[in-house]
Each structure stands twice: as structure tokens, then as C-alpha cells.
Amino acid sequence: MSTSDKIEAAKAKASAALTAELVRITRDGELRQLAPYPDAVKRTTVTRYDGVSSIRYEAATLVDARRIIDEWREKYGAFLPIGKYVSGCCVVTAYPHEEYAEPEALKMQADDAVMARNSCGRGFSSVEFTFYPQVPGERVMVEIDMAFRSPVGSFAGHIRAHYNRNGDPTTAEKFPPTAHCGAEYTVSFGGGSRDSADWRGIFRFDAIMGELAK
């Protein structure tokens, strides 16, 4: 390839990258316009996957989380149902991938739903909420991540573990979040080690709002 050909190829590559970045910025701006709560909390638009656009918030308190959920529902109406789909492994979502799309893959479902998730282990405990608003012409997932050290009350579980001299867990008792008692259904996953867990409670809108108001 000649020098001039290399220059033209580099220009074309740079032009394609610029076009892709402009499309991304424009798309993110469009998604921000869809949101009913644009300024009071930090928000990051995550890369879209499988045709679903994800908008992620960071909330400082459960009051903020409740307000975000409430304002999305006020703008777009009832949220989509969240189902538990099982096909080889398990996924909890409103938008199952192709391998979960068969009717028999759906095991449980809650209408107008919000998922509360707690990932817990030695030295960490994170809480997030996920829902799927009915935005016309869009497939949108909204996630609310509670900021580090934010009070999460009954939405956080607890693990009581004992360790040997090497720091390896020898026993572990797991206590799921008490708020999940009010969920339509719950799903738990192993957190990757004996002393970790991933708990998910799927609530109807009225139930989650009641729990967040406590």
C-alpha cells in the first residue's frame, strides 16, 4: 500500500470513528430527554445491548430512589412485567434473550414490577433497583444504584461467616433482605464464593413504594 493509500485509509477510519461517536452522543442526548428526572442525581447511559437502552442513576438515599421510580411511572404509566426465565440457567428481566423466549421458559412473572437486588459478601454490600418503563418506540431499562455507604435498611441482606487462619470461609449463614418478604417472588444466586450472595426481590409498584417509604 502506498503512502497516499495509507493516508486515505487513516482518514476513512477516523471519519468512521467520529461518525460513530456523534451518533452515540446524539443517542445519549435523546435518552436523557426521555428521562423525567434529569438533573438531581448523577446518571450514566450504559452501552446498549441486544436492543435495550440502559439508563443508570446513582442515588444518595432511598428517598431519591423512590422519587426516581415514582416520576418514571408518572410519566410513562405502569412498568413492564418482570419475569423469571429458566433455560439452562436463570435470567430475571422484562426482555428475555432468544434462548428464553419460549413460553415454557417463563416460570414466574410480576406485573408493573421493580426488582430490588442486593449483592453481598465480605467487605461489600450493594443495593440497586431495576425497572422497565413503557417508553413508546423504545426498549429501556432503568437502574438505580445506591451510592457507596448509603443507608439501605431492609433491602440489604446479611452473611455471618467464620474463617480459617488463611482467611477462607469455613461456615456461612445467609440472611436475605427482610424487605423481600413483601416481594411477588424472589430469586437468589451464589455470589461466586461461599461467603457471598446475590438476592433479587421482584415487587409490584405499590409494594416497592411502601417498602421504600418505611
Protein backbone atom coordinates (compact mmCIF):
# COMPACT_ATOMS: atom_id res chain seq x y z
CA MET A 1 0.00 0.00 0.00
CA SER A 2 1.36 3.40 -0.99
CA THR A 3 1.74 6.30 1.41
CA SER A 4 -1.23 8.11 -0.14
CA ASP A 5 -3.37 4.97 0.20
CA LYS A 6 -2.40 4.70 3.88
CA ILE A 7 -3.34 8.34 4.42
CA GLU A 8 -6.73 7.85 2.81
CA ALA A 9 -7.34 4.69 4.82
CA ALA A 10 -6.45 6.53 8.04
CA LYS A 11 -8.80 9.38 7.11
CA ALA A 12 -11.63 6.94 6.42
CA LYS A 13 -11.06 5.14 9.73
CA ALA A 14 -11.01 8.43 11.65
CA SER A 15 -14.15 9.62 9.86
CA ALA A 16 -16.00 6.39 10.71
CA ALA A 17 -14.96 6.67 14.36
CA LEU A 18 -16.09 10.30 14.50
CA THR A 19 -19.44 9.42 12.94
CA ALA A 20 -19.98 6.60 15.45
CA GLU A 21 -19.13 8.90 18.35
CA LEU A 22 -21.52 11.61 17.11
CA VAL A 23 -24.27 9.01 16.77
CA ARG A 24 -23.59 7.84 20.34
CA ILE A 25 -23.66 11.40 21.74
CA THR A 26 -26.88 12.17 19.88
CA ARG A 27 -28.47 8.94 21.07
CA ASP A 28 -27.47 9.58 24.68
CA GLY A 29 -28.98 13.05 24.42
CA GLU A 30 -32.23 11.58 23.13
CA LEU A 31 -32.34 9.14 26.04
CA ARG A 32 -31.75 11.94 28.53
CA GLN A 33 -34.76 13.75 27.09
CA LEU A 34 -36.89 10.69 27.80
CA ALA A 35 -36.00 10.78 31.49
CA PRO A 36 -38.42 12.64 33.75
CA TYR A 37 -35.78 13.33 36.42
CA PRO A 38 -32.76 14.70 34.59
CA ASP A 39 -30.82 16.95 36.96
CA ALA A 40 -30.96 15.98 40.62
CA VAL A 41 -28.85 12.81 40.53
CA LYS A 42 -25.84 11.56 38.66
CA ARG A 43 -26.78 9.44 35.66
CA THR A 44 -24.79 7.38 33.20
CA THR A 45 -26.16 5.91 30.00
CA VAL A 46 -24.70 2.45 29.58
CA THR A 47 -23.88 0.90 26.23
CA ARG A 48 -26.96 -0.66 24.68
CA TYR A 49 -27.16 -4.44 24.49
CA ASP A 50 -29.47 -6.66 22.50
CA GLY A 51 -31.67 -3.71 21.51
CA VAL A 52 -32.19 -2.42 25.06
CA SER A 53 -31.02 1.03 26.17
CA SER A 54 -29.93 1.25 29.80
CA ILE A 55 -30.10 4.44 31.88
CA ARG A 56 -28.31 4.19 35.22
CA TYR A 57 -28.70 6.56 38.16
CA GLU A 58 -26.74 6.93 41.36
CA ALA A 59 -28.99 7.79 44.30
CA ALA A 60 -27.79 9.05 47.68
CA THR A 61 -30.84 7.96 49.69
CA LEU A 62 -33.83 5.66 49.45
CA VAL A 63 -35.97 8.81 49.23
CA ASP A 64 -34.18 9.69 46.00
CA ALA A 65 -34.66 6.15 44.69
CA ARG A 66 -38.37 6.31 45.49
CA ARG A 67 -38.70 9.65 43.71
CA ILE A 68 -36.97 8.38 40.58
CA ILE A 69 -39.21 5.31 40.41
CA ASP A 70 -42.33 7.38 41.05
CA GLU A 71 -41.58 10.01 38.42
CA TRP A 72 -40.80 7.47 35.69
CA ARG A 73 -44.10 5.74 36.38
CA GLU A 74 -45.99 9.02 36.48
CA LYS A 75 -44.64 9.92 33.04
CA TYR A 76 -44.99 6.56 31.26
CA GLY A 77 -47.53 4.60 33.28
CA ALA A 78 -47.25 1.08 34.67
CA PHE A 79 -43.90 -0.64 34.24
CA LEU A 80 -43.46 -3.78 32.17
CA PRO A 81 -43.77 -7.17 33.89
CA ILE A 82 -40.53 -8.72 35.13
CA GLY A 83 -40.28 -12.47 34.66
CA LYS A 84 -38.05 -15.27 35.81
CA TYR A 85 -36.92 -17.27 32.77
CA VAL A 86 -35.15 -20.61 33.04
CA SER A 87 -33.46 -22.31 30.09
CA GLY A 88 -30.24 -24.00 31.12
CA CYS A 89 -29.61 -21.13 33.51
CA CYS A 90 -31.81 -18.40 35.01
CA VAL A 91 -32.40 -14.77 33.98
CA VAL A 92 -34.72 -12.19 35.59
CA THR A 93 -35.80 -9.49 33.13
CA ALA A 94 -38.58 -7.94 31.07
CA TYR A 95 -36.65 -8.63 27.86
CA PRO A 96 -35.54 -12.27 27.71
CA HIS A 97 -32.93 -13.18 25.14
CA GLU A 98 -33.81 -15.55 22.35
CA GLU A 99 -32.97 -18.69 24.32
CA TYR A 100 -35.53 -17.67 26.97
CA ALA A 101 -38.29 -16.58 24.61
CA GLU A 102 -40.11 -19.92 24.54
CA PRO A 103 -43.30 -19.83 26.69
CA GLU A 104 -42.17 -22.72 28.85
CA ALA A 105 -39.04 -20.76 29.85
CA LEU A 106 -41.17 -18.28 31.84
CA LYS A 107 -41.53 -19.65 35.38
CA MET A 108 -42.79 -16.61 37.32
CA GLN A 109 -43.90 -13.08 36.49
CA ALA A 110 -44.92 -9.90 38.31
CA ASP A 111 -46.80 -7.07 36.58
CA ASP A 112 -45.90 -3.37 36.93
CA ALA A 113 -42.70 -4.52 38.57
CA VAL A 114 -39.47 -3.28 40.13
CA MET A 115 -36.54 -5.51 41.03
CA ALA A 116 -34.53 -4.85 44.20
CA ARG A 117 -31.11 -6.52 44.09
CA ASN A 118 -28.58 -6.92 46.89
CA SER A 119 -25.11 -8.29 46.17
CA CYS A 120 -23.41 -9.07 49.45
CA GLY A 121 -20.13 -10.53 50.61
CA ARG A 122 -17.09 -9.99 52.80
CA GLY A 123 -16.48 -6.25 52.95
CA PHE A 124 -19.18 -5.20 50.48
CA SER A 125 -22.93 -4.87 50.09
CA SER A 126 -24.50 -3.11 47.13
CA VAL A 127 -28.18 -2.37 46.50
CA GLU A 128 -29.78 -1.45 43.20
CA PHE A 129 -33.27 -1.18 41.76
CA THR A 130 -34.27 -2.00 38.18
CA PHE A 131 -37.45 -1.40 36.21
CA TYR A 132 -38.61 -1.26 32.59
CA PRO A 133 -40.76 1.78 31.68
CA GLN A 134 -43.15 1.59 28.74
CA VAL A 135 -41.48 4.27 26.61
CA PRO A 136 -43.17 4.49 23.18
CA GLY A 137 -40.91 3.16 20.44
CA GLU A 138 -38.09 2.33 22.87
CA ARG A 139 -36.80 -0.63 24.86
CA VAL A 140 -35.45 0.95 28.04
CA MET A 141 -34.10 -0.43 31.30
CA VAL A 142 -33.64 1.97 34.22
CA GLU A 143 -31.22 1.08 37.02
CA ILE A 144 -30.76 2.93 40.31
CA ASP A 145 -27.51 2.24 42.12
CA MET A 146 -27.38 3.29 45.77
CA ALA A 147 -24.27 5.39 46.37
CA PHE A 148 -21.44 3.95 48.44
CA ARG A 149 -22.30 3.79 52.15
CA SER A 150 -25.88 4.94 51.53
CA PRO A 151 -28.37 3.62 54.11
CA VAL A 152 -30.29 0.77 52.51
CA GLY A 153 -32.17 -0.57 55.54
CA SER A 154 -34.27 -3.66 54.91
CA PHE A 155 -33.06 -4.02 51.31
CA ALA A 156 -29.67 -5.34 52.43
CA GLY A 157 -29.12 -8.93 53.49
CA HIS A 158 -26.53 -10.24 55.91
CA ILE A 159 -23.95 -13.02 55.88
CA ARG A 160 -22.48 -14.45 59.08
CA ALA A 161 -19.30 -16.32 58.24
CA HIS A 162 -16.34 -17.89 60.05
CA TYR A 163 -12.87 -18.08 58.52
CA ASN A 164 -9.76 -20.20 59.00
CA ARG A 165 -6.27 -18.82 59.52
CA ASN A 166 -5.85 -18.41 55.75
CA GLY A 167 -8.94 -16.22 55.51
CA ASP A 168 -11.03 -18.89 53.76
CA PRO A 169 -14.67 -19.22 54.86
CA THR A 170 -15.38 -22.38 56.83
CA THR A 171 -19.07 -21.74 57.52
CA ALA A 172 -21.53 -19.14 56.25
CA GLU A 173 -25.12 -18.36 57.21
CA LYS A 174 -27.03 -16.19 54.76
CA PHE A 175 -29.95 -13.94 55.75
CA PRO A 176 -31.79 -12.36 52.79
CA PRO A 177 -33.10 -8.78 52.89
CA THR A 178 -36.18 -8.55 55.10
CA ALA A 179 -37.94 -6.28 52.57
CA HIS A 180 -38.05 -9.23 50.19
CA CYS A 181 -40.81 -10.75 52.33
CA GLY A 182 -43.15 -8.35 50.51
CA ALA A 183 -41.97 -9.36 47.03
CA GLU A 184 -44.11 -11.20 44.49
CA TYR A 185 -41.25 -13.65 44.14
CA THR A 186 -37.55 -13.84 44.94
CA VAL A 187 -34.52 -15.33 43.23
CA SER A 188 -31.12 -15.96 44.79
CA PHE A 189 -27.82 -16.71 43.14
CA GLY A 190 -24.47 -17.76 44.54
CA GLY A 191 -22.15 -14.80 44.70
CA GLY A 192 -19.12 -16.70 43.47
CA SER A 193 -17.85 -17.76 46.90
CA ARG A 194 -19.24 -19.43 49.98
CA ASP A 195 -19.48 -16.14 51.90
CA SER A 196 -21.25 -14.08 49.22
CA ALA A 197 -24.75 -13.93 47.80
CA ASP A 198 -26.94 -12.22 45.22
CA TRP A 199 -30.56 -11.73 46.28
CA ARG A 200 -33.29 -10.37 43.99
CA GLY A 201 -36.81 -9.47 45.03
CA ILE A 202 -39.38 -8.64 42.35
CA PHE A 203 -42.06 -6.28 43.68
CA ARG A 204 -45.22 -4.78 42.29
CA PHE A 205 -45.08 -0.98 42.16
CA ASP A 206 -47.31 -0.34 45.19
CA ALA A 207 -45.35 -2.83 47.29
CA ILE A 208 -41.92 -1.39 46.49
CA MET A 209 -43.13 2.16 47.14
CA GLY A 210 -44.46 1.07 50.51
CA GLU A 211 -41.16 -0.56 51.43
CA LEU A 212 -39.15 2.48 50.32
CA ALA A 213 -41.34 4.75 52.47
CA LYS A 214 -40.58 2.87 55.70
